[in-house]
N, C-alpha and C. Protein backbone atom coordinates (compact mmCIF):
# COMPACT_ATOMS: atom_id res chain seq x y z
N MET A 1 -65.55 8.79 15.64
CA MET A 1 -64.68 7.90 15.70
C MET A 1 -63.28 8.56 14.86
N SER A 2 -62.18 8.56 15.47
CA SER A 2 -61.10 8.97 14.92
C SER A 2 -60.42 8.17 14.16
N GLU A 3 -59.43 8.71 13.31
CA GLU A 3 -58.66 7.81 12.41
C GLU A 3 -57.57 7.28 12.99
N PRO A 4 -57.02 5.90 12.83
CA PRO A 4 -56.05 5.25 13.22
C PRO A 4 -54.70 6.24 13.22
N GLU A 5 -53.69 6.11 13.90
CA GLU A 5 -52.50 6.96 13.92
C GLU A 5 -51.68 6.36 12.94
N SER A 6 -51.12 7.16 12.01
CA SER A 6 -50.29 6.80 10.90
C SER A 6 -48.82 6.49 11.53
N LEU A 7 -48.05 5.74 10.65
CA LEU A 7 -46.96 5.29 11.21
C LEU A 7 -45.93 6.48 11.45
N ASP A 8 -46.04 7.48 10.49
CA ASP A 8 -45.37 8.79 10.53
C ASP A 8 -45.54 9.52 11.84
N ASP A 9 -46.99 9.74 12.21
CA ASP A 9 -47.58 10.40 13.22
C ASP A 9 -47.11 9.79 14.46
N ARG A 10 -47.35 8.45 14.53
CA ARG A 10 -46.82 7.71 15.60
C ARG A 10 -45.17 8.08 16.08
N LEU A 11 -44.28 8.02 14.92
CA LEU A 11 -42.86 8.36 15.11
C LEU A 11 -42.75 9.79 15.87
N ASP A 12 -43.57 10.57 15.09
CA ASP A 12 -43.26 12.08 15.46
C ASP A 12 -43.68 12.24 17.09
N ARG A 13 -44.97 11.46 17.29
CA ARG A 13 -45.35 11.67 18.74
C ARG A 13 -44.55 11.21 19.83
N VAL A 14 -43.90 9.93 19.64
CA VAL A 14 -42.91 9.18 20.34
C VAL A 14 -41.56 9.91 20.52
N ALA A 15 -41.18 10.52 19.40
CA ALA A 15 -40.00 11.24 19.57
C ALA A 15 -40.22 12.58 20.47
N THR A 16 -41.42 13.19 20.31
CA THR A 16 -41.66 14.28 21.09
C THR A 16 -41.74 13.90 22.64
N GLU A 17 -42.41 12.80 22.79
CA GLU A 17 -42.45 12.18 24.26
C GLU A 17 -40.93 11.94 24.90
N VAL A 18 -40.08 11.23 24.02
CA VAL A 18 -38.95 10.81 24.49
C VAL A 18 -38.08 12.17 24.80
N ALA A 19 -38.23 13.17 23.92
CA ALA A 19 -37.36 14.46 23.92
C ALA A 19 -37.85 15.12 25.21
N LEU A 20 -39.13 15.22 25.56
CA LEU A 20 -39.68 15.87 26.75
C LEU A 20 -39.40 15.17 28.02
N SER A 21 -39.18 13.73 27.80
CA SER A 21 -38.86 13.07 29.01
C SER A 21 -37.28 13.30 29.47
N LEU A 22 -36.40 13.36 28.32
CA LEU A 22 -34.98 13.56 28.63
C LEU A 22 -34.84 14.86 29.10
N LEU A 23 -35.68 15.95 28.61
CA LEU A 23 -35.56 17.27 28.97
C LEU A 23 -35.86 17.43 30.52
N ALA A 24 -36.88 16.66 31.01
CA ALA A 24 -37.58 16.70 32.38
C ALA A 24 -36.66 16.06 33.35
N THR A 25 -35.68 15.32 32.84
CA THR A 25 -34.66 14.57 33.91
C THR A 25 -33.23 15.09 33.55
N ASN A 26 -32.89 15.93 32.53
CA ASN A 26 -31.88 16.55 32.26
C ASN A 26 -30.86 15.47 31.75
N LYS A 27 -31.27 14.52 31.08
CA LYS A 27 -30.41 13.42 30.60
C LYS A 27 -30.37 13.40 29.11
N LYS A 28 -29.09 12.78 28.55
CA LYS A 28 -28.84 12.84 27.21
C LYS A 28 -28.77 11.48 26.58
N CYS A 29 -28.97 11.41 25.37
CA CYS A 29 -29.09 9.98 24.81
C CYS A 29 -28.32 10.05 23.38
N VAL A 30 -27.75 8.99 22.88
CA VAL A 30 -27.11 8.95 21.53
C VAL A 30 -27.65 7.53 20.81
N PHE A 31 -27.79 7.33 19.52
CA PHE A 31 -28.40 6.14 18.91
C PHE A 31 -27.31 5.55 18.10
N ALA A 32 -27.21 4.26 17.81
CA ALA A 32 -26.78 3.54 16.91
C ALA A 32 -27.75 2.77 16.01
N GLU A 33 -27.89 3.18 14.84
CA GLU A 33 -29.06 2.77 13.93
C GLU A 33 -28.39 1.96 12.86
N SER A 34 -29.12 0.91 12.43
CA SER A 34 -28.70 0.21 11.20
C SER A 34 -29.86 -0.02 10.19
N CYS A 35 -30.82 -0.76 10.64
CA CYS A 35 -31.96 -1.01 9.61
C CYS A 35 -32.93 0.35 9.42
N THR A 36 -32.86 1.29 10.42
CA THR A 36 -33.55 2.46 10.19
C THR A 36 -32.98 3.63 9.39
N GLY A 37 -31.83 3.32 9.23
CA GLY A 37 -31.23 4.47 8.30
C GLY A 37 -31.07 5.84 8.90
N GLY A 38 -31.18 6.17 10.02
CA GLY A 38 -31.24 7.37 10.61
C GLY A 38 -32.52 7.91 11.01
N LYS A 39 -33.70 7.21 10.82
CA LYS A 39 -34.94 7.56 11.01
C LYS A 39 -35.30 8.07 12.43
N MET A 40 -34.49 7.40 13.39
CA MET A 40 -34.85 7.74 14.77
C MET A 40 -34.25 9.12 15.10
N ALA A 41 -33.09 9.41 14.60
CA ALA A 41 -32.31 10.56 14.64
C ALA A 41 -33.23 11.65 14.05
N SER A 42 -33.61 11.37 12.98
CA SER A 42 -34.55 12.37 12.08
C SER A 42 -35.84 12.84 12.84
N ALA A 43 -36.41 11.89 13.35
CA ALA A 43 -37.47 12.21 14.07
C ALA A 43 -37.21 13.07 15.35
N MET A 44 -36.21 12.69 16.16
CA MET A 44 -35.91 13.53 17.18
C MET A 44 -35.47 14.75 16.78
N THR A 45 -34.82 15.16 15.59
CA THR A 45 -34.49 16.39 15.55
C THR A 45 -35.35 17.32 15.08
N THR A 46 -36.74 16.89 14.92
CA THR A 46 -37.76 17.62 14.57
C THR A 46 -38.29 18.25 15.66
N VAL A 47 -37.73 17.97 16.98
CA VAL A 47 -38.44 18.52 18.27
C VAL A 47 -37.55 19.81 18.45
N PRO A 48 -38.19 20.85 18.72
CA PRO A 48 -37.34 22.14 18.91
C PRO A 48 -36.73 21.98 20.40
N GLY A 49 -35.63 22.39 20.38
CA GLY A 49 -34.71 22.32 21.64
C GLY A 49 -34.12 21.10 21.92
N VAL A 50 -34.23 20.03 21.21
CA VAL A 50 -33.79 18.64 21.38
C VAL A 50 -32.26 18.47 21.62
N SER A 51 -31.75 19.56 20.99
CA SER A 51 -30.31 19.56 20.96
C SER A 51 -29.48 19.33 22.45
N ALA A 52 -30.20 20.01 23.41
CA ALA A 52 -29.83 19.90 24.68
C ALA A 52 -29.76 18.38 25.28
N ASN A 53 -30.48 17.64 24.73
CA ASN A 53 -30.61 16.13 25.18
C ASN A 53 -30.11 15.19 24.21
N PHE A 54 -30.13 15.36 22.97
CA PHE A 54 -29.89 14.42 22.08
C PHE A 54 -28.29 14.61 21.31
N CYS A 55 -27.46 13.71 21.59
CA CYS A 55 -26.34 13.68 21.16
C CYS A 55 -25.95 13.59 19.75
N GLY A 56 -26.65 12.70 19.01
CA GLY A 56 -26.55 12.26 17.65
C GLY A 56 -26.88 10.88 17.43
N SER A 57 -26.42 10.25 16.27
CA SER A 57 -26.83 8.95 15.80
C SER A 57 -25.72 8.64 14.89
N ALA A 58 -25.04 7.26 15.18
CA ALA A 58 -24.32 6.74 14.17
C ALA A 58 -25.04 5.79 13.36
N VAL A 59 -25.28 6.03 12.00
CA VAL A 59 -26.00 5.03 11.03
C VAL A 59 -24.94 4.08 10.76
N THR A 60 -24.81 2.93 11.12
CA THR A 60 -23.96 1.97 11.15
C THR A 60 -24.54 0.92 10.29
N TYR A 61 -24.80 1.06 8.86
CA TYR A 61 -25.66 0.03 8.10
C TYR A 61 -24.91 -1.20 7.79
N ARG A 62 -23.58 -0.84 7.38
CA ARG A 62 -22.68 -2.14 6.69
C ARG A 62 -21.93 -2.64 7.94
N GLU A 63 -21.51 -3.76 7.82
CA GLU A 63 -20.93 -4.61 8.74
C GLU A 63 -19.39 -3.88 9.01
N SER A 64 -18.84 -3.49 8.03
CA SER A 64 -17.57 -2.91 8.15
C SER A 64 -17.64 -1.40 8.85
N THR A 65 -18.81 -0.76 8.77
CA THR A 65 -18.92 0.31 9.57
C THR A 65 -19.28 0.10 10.88
N LYS A 66 -19.93 -0.99 11.32
CA LYS A 66 -20.08 -1.49 12.61
C LYS A 66 -18.77 -1.77 13.36
N THR A 67 -17.94 -2.41 12.52
CA THR A 67 -16.66 -2.66 13.06
C THR A 67 -15.73 -1.38 13.26
N ALA A 68 -15.72 -0.48 12.14
CA ALA A 68 -14.90 0.74 12.32
C ALA A 68 -15.24 1.68 13.42
N TRP A 69 -16.63 1.99 13.34
CA TRP A 69 -17.22 2.97 14.29
C TRP A 69 -17.51 2.56 15.65
N LEU A 70 -17.89 1.43 15.89
CA LEU A 70 -18.33 0.76 17.04
C LEU A 70 -17.63 -0.42 17.70
N SER A 71 -16.49 -0.62 17.04
CA SER A 71 -15.41 -1.64 17.42
C SER A 71 -16.27 -3.06 17.66
N ILE A 72 -17.13 -3.49 16.82
CA ILE A 72 -17.67 -4.78 16.90
C ILE A 72 -16.74 -5.64 16.06
N ALA A 73 -16.25 -6.67 16.52
CA ALA A 73 -15.17 -7.52 15.69
C ALA A 73 -15.98 -8.13 14.64
N ALA A 74 -15.26 -8.21 13.44
CA ALA A 74 -15.68 -8.86 12.40
C ALA A 74 -16.04 -10.27 12.78
N GLU A 75 -15.12 -10.83 13.31
CA GLU A 75 -15.36 -12.30 13.68
C GLU A 75 -16.73 -12.37 14.40
N ASP A 76 -16.98 -11.50 15.27
CA ASP A 76 -18.34 -11.56 16.01
C ASP A 76 -19.58 -11.41 15.33
N LEU A 77 -19.20 -10.63 14.23
CA LEU A 77 -20.43 -10.44 13.28
C LEU A 77 -20.66 -11.59 12.33
N ALA A 78 -19.64 -12.26 11.92
CA ALA A 78 -19.65 -13.45 11.14
C ALA A 78 -20.29 -14.50 11.79
N LYS A 79 -19.98 -14.61 13.33
CA LYS A 79 -20.51 -15.57 14.08
C LYS A 79 -21.97 -15.38 14.44
N HIS A 80 -22.35 -14.19 14.70
CA HIS A 80 -23.73 -13.92 15.20
C HIS A 80 -24.66 -13.24 14.17
N THR A 81 -24.19 -12.79 13.04
CA THR A 81 -24.67 -11.81 11.98
C THR A 81 -24.90 -10.48 12.45
N ALA A 82 -25.00 -9.56 11.57
CA ALA A 82 -25.24 -8.05 11.77
C ALA A 82 -26.51 -7.99 12.37
N GLU A 83 -27.48 -8.73 12.11
CA GLU A 83 -28.81 -8.55 12.54
C GLU A 83 -29.34 -9.46 13.58
N SER A 84 -28.60 -9.40 14.79
CA SER A 84 -28.92 -10.24 15.95
C SER A 84 -28.92 -9.50 17.21
N GLU A 85 -29.30 -10.32 18.18
CA GLU A 85 -29.47 -9.70 19.54
C GLU A 85 -28.09 -9.40 19.96
N PHE A 86 -27.02 -10.11 19.90
CA PHE A 86 -25.52 -9.93 20.13
C PHE A 86 -25.24 -8.58 19.44
N THR A 87 -25.54 -8.51 18.41
CA THR A 87 -24.92 -7.31 17.61
C THR A 87 -25.60 -5.84 18.19
N THR A 88 -26.77 -6.00 18.45
CA THR A 88 -27.52 -4.80 18.89
C THR A 88 -26.92 -4.45 20.29
N ILE A 89 -26.67 -5.44 21.14
CA ILE A 89 -26.14 -5.12 22.34
C ILE A 89 -24.75 -4.44 22.23
N GLU A 90 -24.01 -5.17 21.39
CA GLU A 90 -22.67 -4.51 21.09
C GLU A 90 -22.63 -3.11 20.48
N MET A 91 -23.71 -2.85 19.60
CA MET A 91 -23.99 -1.35 19.06
C MET A 91 -24.32 -0.62 20.19
N ALA A 92 -25.14 -0.83 21.11
CA ALA A 92 -25.53 0.22 22.25
C ALA A 92 -24.27 0.20 23.14
N LYS A 93 -23.52 -0.72 23.39
CA LYS A 93 -22.41 -0.61 24.23
C LYS A 93 -21.27 0.28 23.61
N GLY A 94 -21.08 -0.05 22.16
CA GLY A 94 -19.98 0.86 21.50
C GLY A 94 -20.34 2.30 21.27
N ILE A 95 -21.54 2.67 21.15
CA ILE A 95 -21.84 3.97 20.85
C ILE A 95 -21.90 4.83 22.26
N LEU A 96 -22.32 4.09 23.26
CA LEU A 96 -22.32 4.84 24.70
C LEU A 96 -20.94 4.91 24.92
N THR A 97 -20.04 4.03 24.80
CA THR A 97 -18.64 4.07 25.10
C THR A 97 -17.94 5.27 24.42
N ARG A 98 -18.46 5.59 23.12
CA ARG A 98 -17.75 6.69 22.34
C ARG A 98 -18.47 8.05 22.60
N THR A 99 -19.42 8.02 23.27
CA THR A 99 -20.11 9.37 23.41
C THR A 99 -20.14 9.69 25.02
N PRO A 100 -19.09 10.28 25.63
CA PRO A 100 -18.98 10.31 27.08
C PRO A 100 -20.09 11.12 27.53
N GLU A 101 -20.73 12.11 26.94
CA GLU A 101 -21.72 12.92 27.57
C GLU A 101 -23.07 12.31 27.74
N ALA A 102 -23.41 11.29 26.90
CA ALA A 102 -24.62 10.60 26.81
C ALA A 102 -24.87 9.67 28.05
N ASP A 103 -26.05 9.77 28.59
CA ASP A 103 -26.51 9.01 29.77
C ASP A 103 -27.10 7.57 29.43
N TYR A 104 -27.61 7.55 28.09
CA TYR A 104 -28.20 6.29 27.46
C TYR A 104 -27.81 6.18 26.12
N SER A 105 -27.85 5.00 25.59
CA SER A 105 -27.71 4.62 24.25
C SER A 105 -28.72 3.77 23.78
N VAL A 106 -29.50 3.83 22.44
CA VAL A 106 -30.43 3.09 21.93
C VAL A 106 -29.87 2.50 20.59
N ALA A 107 -29.84 1.26 20.49
CA ALA A 107 -29.31 0.56 19.13
C ALA A 107 -30.42 -0.31 18.57
N ILE A 108 -30.45 -0.34 17.30
CA ILE A 108 -31.38 -1.05 16.53
C ILE A 108 -30.78 -1.73 15.22
N THR A 109 -30.99 -2.97 15.00
CA THR A 109 -30.77 -3.80 13.71
C THR A 109 -31.70 -4.65 13.38
N GLY A 110 -31.61 -5.13 12.32
CA GLY A 110 -32.64 -6.03 11.94
C GLY A 110 -32.89 -6.37 10.35
N HIS A 111 -33.66 -6.95 10.18
CA HIS A 111 -33.95 -7.46 8.57
C HIS A 111 -35.35 -6.74 8.13
N LEU A 112 -35.38 -6.01 7.28
CA LEU A 112 -36.31 -5.17 6.73
C LEU A 112 -37.02 -5.89 5.46
N GLY A 113 -36.14 -6.68 4.81
CA GLY A 113 -36.55 -7.45 3.51
C GLY A 113 -36.55 -6.41 2.24
N PRO A 114 -36.96 -6.83 1.30
CA PRO A 114 -37.22 -8.24 0.83
C PRO A 114 -36.09 -9.01 0.62
N ASN A 115 -36.18 -10.28 -0.01
CA ASN A 115 -35.08 -11.10 -0.33
C ASN A 115 -34.41 -11.84 0.82
N VAL A 116 -35.06 -12.02 2.01
CA VAL A 116 -34.46 -12.68 3.22
C VAL A 116 -35.39 -13.73 3.63
N ASP A 117 -34.91 -14.74 4.19
CA ASP A 117 -35.66 -15.94 4.80
C ASP A 117 -36.81 -15.45 5.52
N THR A 118 -37.98 -16.15 5.41
CA THR A 118 -39.44 -15.63 5.96
C THR A 118 -39.16 -15.78 7.51
N GLU A 119 -38.24 -16.56 8.08
CA GLU A 119 -38.07 -16.44 9.55
C GLU A 119 -37.56 -15.12 10.03
N VAL A 120 -36.76 -14.54 9.46
CA VAL A 120 -36.07 -13.19 9.69
C VAL A 120 -36.78 -11.94 8.95
N ASP A 121 -37.65 -12.25 8.22
CA ASP A 121 -38.25 -11.07 7.44
C ASP A 121 -38.96 -10.26 8.37
N GLY A 122 -38.54 -8.90 8.63
CA GLY A 122 -39.32 -8.05 9.41
C GLY A 122 -38.93 -8.22 10.92
N LEU A 123 -37.87 -8.81 11.17
CA LEU A 123 -37.54 -9.17 12.64
C LEU A 123 -36.47 -8.05 12.92
N VAL A 124 -36.46 -7.39 14.08
CA VAL A 124 -35.62 -6.30 14.51
C VAL A 124 -35.39 -6.49 15.89
N PHE A 125 -34.04 -6.14 16.29
CA PHE A 125 -33.71 -6.17 17.64
C PHE A 125 -33.22 -4.79 18.18
N VAL A 126 -33.64 -4.57 19.47
CA VAL A 126 -33.36 -3.18 20.09
C VAL A 126 -32.65 -3.21 21.38
N SER A 127 -31.62 -2.63 21.68
CA SER A 127 -30.90 -2.65 22.86
C SER A 127 -30.80 -1.17 23.55
N ILE A 128 -31.06 -1.15 24.62
CA ILE A 128 -30.84 0.25 25.40
C ILE A 128 -29.87 0.05 26.44
N ALA A 129 -28.67 0.82 26.60
CA ALA A 129 -27.68 1.03 27.60
C ALA A 129 -27.91 2.08 28.47
N ASP A 130 -27.86 2.10 29.70
CA ASP A 130 -27.89 3.05 30.72
C ASP A 130 -26.50 3.21 31.42
N ARG A 131 -25.87 4.25 31.17
CA ARG A 131 -24.41 4.62 31.77
C ARG A 131 -24.52 4.28 33.22
N ALA A 132 -25.40 4.56 33.95
CA ALA A 132 -25.61 4.49 35.40
C ALA A 132 -25.42 2.83 35.79
N PHE A 133 -25.77 2.09 34.96
CA PHE A 133 -25.51 0.80 35.21
C PHE A 133 -24.91 -0.06 34.34
N PHE A 134 -23.99 0.65 33.53
CA PHE A 134 -23.38 0.16 32.43
C PHE A 134 -22.18 -0.81 32.98
N GLU A 135 -21.53 -0.61 33.96
CA GLU A 135 -20.47 -1.48 34.52
C GLU A 135 -21.07 -2.80 34.89
N LEU A 136 -22.23 -2.62 35.76
CA LEU A 136 -22.60 -3.67 36.32
C LEU A 136 -23.71 -4.63 35.66
N HIS A 137 -24.41 -3.99 34.77
CA HIS A 137 -25.46 -4.78 34.17
C HIS A 137 -25.29 -4.83 32.57
N LYS A 138 -25.14 -5.90 31.84
CA LYS A 138 -24.98 -5.84 30.44
C LYS A 138 -26.44 -5.40 29.83
N PRO A 139 -26.39 -4.53 28.91
CA PRO A 139 -27.68 -4.33 28.19
C PRO A 139 -28.32 -5.57 27.74
N LYS A 140 -29.71 -5.51 27.56
CA LYS A 140 -30.38 -6.69 26.93
C LYS A 140 -30.94 -6.46 25.56
N ALA A 141 -31.22 -7.26 24.85
CA ALA A 141 -31.79 -7.01 23.42
C ALA A 141 -33.31 -7.56 23.57
N THR A 142 -34.16 -6.87 22.95
CA THR A 142 -35.51 -7.39 22.71
C THR A 142 -35.57 -7.55 21.05
N ARG A 143 -36.50 -8.43 20.79
CA ARG A 143 -36.84 -8.71 19.50
C ARG A 143 -38.27 -8.44 19.12
N HIS A 144 -38.35 -7.95 18.03
CA HIS A 144 -39.84 -7.48 17.68
C HIS A 144 -40.10 -7.78 16.13
N GLN A 145 -41.09 -8.33 16.03
CA GLN A 145 -41.78 -8.53 14.54
C GLN A 145 -42.55 -7.42 13.91
N LEU A 146 -42.05 -6.84 12.86
CA LEU A 146 -42.78 -5.64 12.27
C LEU A 146 -44.03 -6.39 11.80
N ALA A 147 -45.10 -5.39 11.76
CA ALA A 147 -46.38 -5.81 11.07
C ALA A 147 -46.56 -5.13 9.69
N SER A 148 -45.88 -4.00 9.39
CA SER A 148 -45.90 -3.43 8.02
C SER A 148 -45.10 -4.32 6.99
N SER A 149 -45.52 -3.88 5.74
CA SER A 149 -44.94 -4.81 4.70
C SER A 149 -43.82 -4.03 3.83
N SER A 150 -44.09 -2.74 3.63
CA SER A 150 -43.09 -2.15 2.69
C SER A 150 -41.89 -1.67 3.54
N ARG A 151 -40.79 -1.60 2.83
CA ARG A 151 -39.53 -1.21 3.49
C ARG A 151 -39.52 -0.01 4.31
N LYS A 152 -40.02 0.92 3.53
CA LYS A 152 -40.23 2.41 4.16
C LYS A 152 -41.13 2.35 5.41
N ASP A 153 -42.29 1.85 5.31
CA ASP A 153 -43.04 1.71 6.65
C ASP A 153 -42.43 1.00 7.64
N ARG A 154 -41.67 -0.10 7.35
CA ARG A 154 -40.78 -1.04 8.28
C ARG A 154 -39.82 -0.09 8.92
N GLN A 155 -39.29 0.71 8.20
CA GLN A 155 -38.08 1.74 8.88
C GLN A 155 -38.94 2.58 10.01
N THR A 156 -40.02 3.23 9.59
CA THR A 156 -40.75 3.85 10.31
C THR A 156 -41.11 3.27 11.57
N GLU A 157 -41.73 2.09 11.46
CA GLU A 157 -42.35 1.22 12.44
C GLU A 157 -41.37 0.93 13.23
N ALA A 158 -39.94 0.31 12.99
CA ALA A 158 -38.90 -0.13 13.75
C ALA A 158 -38.30 1.15 14.55
N ALA A 159 -38.36 2.32 14.00
CA ALA A 159 -37.94 3.42 14.92
C ALA A 159 -38.82 3.81 15.84
N SER A 160 -40.03 3.58 15.59
CA SER A 160 -41.02 3.96 16.61
C SER A 160 -40.95 2.89 17.59
N ILE A 161 -40.80 1.64 17.36
CA ILE A 161 -40.78 0.64 18.32
C ILE A 161 -39.47 0.84 19.24
N ALA A 162 -38.38 1.32 18.66
CA ALA A 162 -37.29 1.44 19.40
C ALA A 162 -37.31 2.64 20.33
N LEU A 163 -37.82 3.75 19.89
CA LEU A 163 -38.22 4.80 20.69
C LEU A 163 -39.26 4.63 21.86
N GLU A 164 -40.37 3.80 21.51
CA GLU A 164 -41.16 3.57 22.43
C GLU A 164 -40.56 2.82 23.69
N GLN A 165 -39.80 1.73 23.26
CA GLN A 165 -39.12 1.15 24.26
C GLN A 165 -38.33 1.92 25.07
N PHE A 166 -37.69 2.97 24.59
CA PHE A 166 -36.59 3.81 25.14
C PHE A 166 -37.49 4.65 26.33
N LEU A 167 -38.59 4.97 25.67
CA LEU A 167 -39.49 5.92 26.59
C LEU A 167 -39.98 5.19 27.77
N VAL A 168 -40.23 3.92 27.49
CA VAL A 168 -40.76 2.98 28.83
C VAL A 168 -39.67 2.80 29.87
N SER A 169 -38.21 2.69 29.14
CA SER A 169 -37.24 2.57 30.20
C SER A 169 -36.94 3.84 30.87
N LEU A 170 -37.31 5.03 30.31
CA LEU A 170 -37.06 6.31 30.99
C LEU A 170 -38.14 6.59 32.12
N ARG A 171 -39.24 5.92 32.21
CA ARG A 171 -40.36 6.06 33.08
C ARG A 171 -40.09 5.49 34.32
């Protein structure tokens, strides 16, 4: 019987699968990360040759950075919060708009804890935008409850979830 896959191994495996899928279709992606702090980008850049398909990642951890880099209105962040479905959709739209060579964007935000209300503790939102449908279809956001408990593990788990969701959308 084999050992269960570690969170780090899961992230590395999914990043490799995403990179190979992008390579096979000759498509490019860009990320807007908040709660993951760049872990999605870090995992992608461990794959040799990924620079042909990975444009980069904006780590927009603070609200003021989301406003400055992604043009999310401060009023909207105050109304919806920085960790919401609305915000992750705006993150995906904002980074795709600013990266003309990218075909897709993946955005993630959420609460990793500690010291947050129990109803939002470990709750993350993921949104994927596809340039081919960008004008016709507004990106949607999905919500995910993280199973891990430490902040570091939650970052890795959240990055894995976002990349897994992106991989499914690529198939």
